[in-house]
Protein backbone atom coordinates (compact mmCIF):
# COMPACT_ATOMS: atom_id res chain seq x y z
CA MET A 1 -115.14 -24.78 95.34
CA ILE A 2 -115.81 -21.12 96.15
CA ASN A 3 -112.94 -18.98 97.42
CA LYS A 4 -112.34 -15.31 98.26
CA TRP A 5 -111.60 -14.49 94.60
CA ASP A 6 -114.83 -16.13 93.46
CA LYS A 7 -116.76 -14.01 95.96
CA ARG A 8 -114.95 -10.84 94.84
CA PHE A 9 -115.56 -11.45 91.13
CA LEU A 10 -119.17 -12.47 91.71
CA LYS A 11 -119.68 -9.21 93.63
CA LEU A 12 -118.08 -7.37 90.69
CA ALA A 13 -120.50 -9.11 88.29
CA GLN A 14 -123.34 -7.94 90.54
CA THR A 15 -122.05 -4.35 90.33
CA VAL A 16 -121.64 -4.56 86.55
CA SER A 17 -125.23 -5.87 86.24
CA GLU A 18 -126.47 -2.55 87.61
CA TRP A 19 -125.17 -0.81 84.48
CA SER A 20 -127.83 -2.52 82.36
CA LYS A 21 -130.88 -0.49 81.37
CA ASP A 22 -133.06 -3.60 81.07
CA PRO A 23 -135.95 -3.05 83.50
CA SER A 24 -136.70 -6.75 84.05
CA THR A 25 -133.36 -8.60 84.03
CA LYS A 26 -130.08 -6.84 84.77
CA VAL A 27 -127.19 -9.22 84.11
CA GLY A 28 -123.47 -8.72 84.66
CA ALA A 29 -120.50 -10.84 83.58
CA VAL A 30 -116.81 -10.92 84.49
CA ILE A 31 -114.13 -13.01 82.79
CA ALA A 32 -111.03 -13.51 84.96
CA GLU A 33 -107.87 -15.57 84.75
CA ASN A 34 -107.83 -18.39 87.29
CA HIS A 35 -104.25 -18.09 88.52
CA SER A 36 -103.37 -14.40 88.23
CA HIS A 37 -106.89 -13.23 89.15
CA LYS A 38 -106.61 -10.65 86.38
CA VAL A 39 -109.92 -9.35 85.02
CA LEU A 40 -109.91 -9.79 81.25
CA SER A 41 -113.32 -8.36 80.46
CA LEU A 42 -116.65 -7.11 81.81
CA GLY A 43 -120.09 -7.10 80.22
CA PHE A 44 -123.72 -6.30 80.92
CA ASN A 45 -126.84 -6.97 78.90
CA GLY A 46 -127.92 -4.22 76.55
CA PHE A 47 -128.53 -3.12 73.00
CA PRO A 48 -125.72 -2.65 70.44
CA TYR A 49 -123.97 0.69 70.17
CA ASP A 50 -126.00 3.32 68.32
CA MET A 51 -129.29 1.47 68.86
CA GLU A 52 -131.93 3.35 70.81
CA ASP A 53 -132.49 1.77 74.21
CA SER A 54 -135.52 3.75 75.25
CA ALA A 55 -137.84 2.61 78.02
CA LEU A 56 -140.48 1.99 75.34
CA MET A 57 -138.24 -0.43 73.42
CA LEU A 58 -136.92 -2.10 76.57
CA GLY A 59 -140.49 -2.56 77.79
CA GLN A 60 -141.53 -4.55 74.71
CA ARG A 61 -140.23 -8.00 75.62
CA GLU A 62 -140.37 -9.55 72.12
CA LYS A 63 -138.57 -6.62 70.45
CA LYS A 64 -136.09 -6.39 73.32
CA TYR A 65 -135.14 -10.07 73.02
CA GLN A 66 -134.51 -9.66 69.29
CA ARG A 67 -132.06 -6.83 69.93
CA ILE A 68 -130.38 -7.36 73.28
CA ILE A 69 -126.85 -8.67 73.62
CA HIS A 70 -126.37 -10.87 76.68
CA ALA A 71 -123.84 -9.80 79.30
CA GLU A 72 -121.65 -12.83 78.65
CA MET A 73 -121.48 -12.09 74.93
CA ASN A 74 -120.73 -8.42 75.60
CA ALA A 75 -117.85 -9.46 77.86
CA LEU A 76 -116.54 -11.71 75.09
CA LEU A 77 -116.90 -8.99 72.45
CA GLN A 78 -115.18 -6.36 74.67
CA ALA A 79 -112.17 -8.56 75.44
CA LYS A 80 -108.80 -7.96 73.85
CA VAL A 81 -107.68 -11.60 73.91
CA PRO A 82 -108.54 -14.34 71.39
CA ALA A 83 -108.97 -17.22 73.85
CA PHE A 84 -109.84 -17.69 77.50
CA PHE A 85 -108.21 -20.96 78.54
CA LEU A 86 -107.79 -21.28 82.31
CA CYS A 87 -110.41 -18.59 82.89
CA THR A 88 -113.64 -18.38 84.84
CA LEU A 89 -116.85 -16.64 83.84
CA TYR A 90 -118.76 -15.02 86.71
CA THR A 91 -122.38 -14.06 86.11
CA TRP A 92 -125.02 -12.26 88.14
CA PRO A 93 -127.92 -12.87 88.98
CA LEU A 94 -128.07 -16.34 87.38
CA GLN A 95 -126.04 -18.90 85.45
CA PRO A 96 -125.41 -18.39 81.73
CA CYS A 97 -128.16 -19.42 79.34
CA SER A 98 -127.51 -22.39 77.05
CA ARG A 99 -126.46 -20.24 74.07
CA CYS A 100 -124.01 -18.14 76.07
CA LEU A 101 -122.61 -21.23 77.77
CA ILE A 102 -121.66 -22.89 74.48
CA HIS A 103 -120.09 -19.69 73.16
CA MET A 104 -118.02 -19.31 76.32
CA ALA A 105 -116.94 -22.94 76.15
CA GLN A 106 -115.99 -22.49 72.49
CA VAL A 107 -113.43 -19.80 73.43
CA GLY A 108 -111.96 -21.95 76.19
CA ILE A 109 -113.80 -21.06 79.39
CA GLU A 110 -114.29 -24.22 81.41
CA ARG A 111 -115.40 -22.83 84.79
CA PHE A 112 -118.56 -20.89 85.59
CA VAL A 113 -119.51 -19.28 88.91
CA TYR A 114 -122.96 -17.84 89.56
CA PRO A 115 -125.50 -17.40 92.38
CA SER A 116 -128.57 -19.54 92.88
CA THR A 117 -131.32 -18.38 90.54
CA PRO A 118 -133.65 -15.95 92.31
CA PRO A 119 -137.20 -17.27 92.73
CA SER A 120 -138.51 -14.38 90.60
CA MET A 121 -136.49 -15.70 87.62
CA ALA A 122 -136.57 -19.44 88.29
CA GLU A 123 -139.79 -20.25 86.45
CA ARG A 124 -139.06 -18.11 83.38
CA TRP A 125 -135.52 -19.45 82.92
CA ARG A 126 -135.96 -23.01 84.27
CA ASP A 127 -136.06 -24.89 80.94
CA ASP A 128 -133.09 -23.09 79.37
CA LEU A 129 -130.96 -23.31 82.51
CA GLN A 130 -131.66 -27.04 82.63
CA VAL A 131 -130.44 -27.33 79.02
CA ALA A 132 -127.35 -25.31 79.94
CA GLN A 133 -126.62 -27.68 82.82
CA GLU A 134 -127.03 -30.70 80.52
CA ILE A 135 -124.59 -29.15 78.03
CA ALA A 136 -122.12 -28.39 80.83
CA ASP A 137 -122.32 -32.00 82.00
CA GLU A 138 -121.77 -33.30 78.45
CA MET A 139 -118.72 -31.06 78.01
CA GLY A 140 -117.25 -31.59 81.48
CA LEU A 141 -117.51 -27.90 82.39
CA GLU A 142 -117.22 -26.88 86.03
CA MET A 143 -120.42 -25.22 87.25
CA VAL A 144 -120.16 -23.57 90.68
CA GLU A 145 -123.46 -22.39 92.13
CA VAL A 146 -123.07 -20.06 95.10
CA GLU A 147 -125.94 -20.65 97.48
CA GLU A 148 -125.74 -17.44 99.50
CA ARG A 149 -126.71 -14.08 98.02
CA LEU A 150 -123.99 -11.43 98.30
């Protein structure tokens, strides 16, 4: 069920996604406590600290994928808490990939809110997002897809 806090945090994830230098896929993530609505961490996709993130490197898809840290993982790495029980992960512009989903579940996140995958990304990410959904179903994770774009 989507509520006003879900909309606010999804909008925040959208804003955070704009901080990414990735020219093809800008992703933002927000981890928030369910009851207090306190933001625990933010993340966007990008290279590690002290690694050159030039347009040349970002434009070479194979090299970029070997180096980039996903927004969800950056949010996890930036956080100052060891576990995230009773928390929600908000991602923009699509749901977490299968690898990020299992890492988030491992630290206790059981609820995920994200917008419908944009048509421009649907084909490229279809197979992995299907695997992520299968994993979520196996683990009993709550997946909340927001139909409308913010």
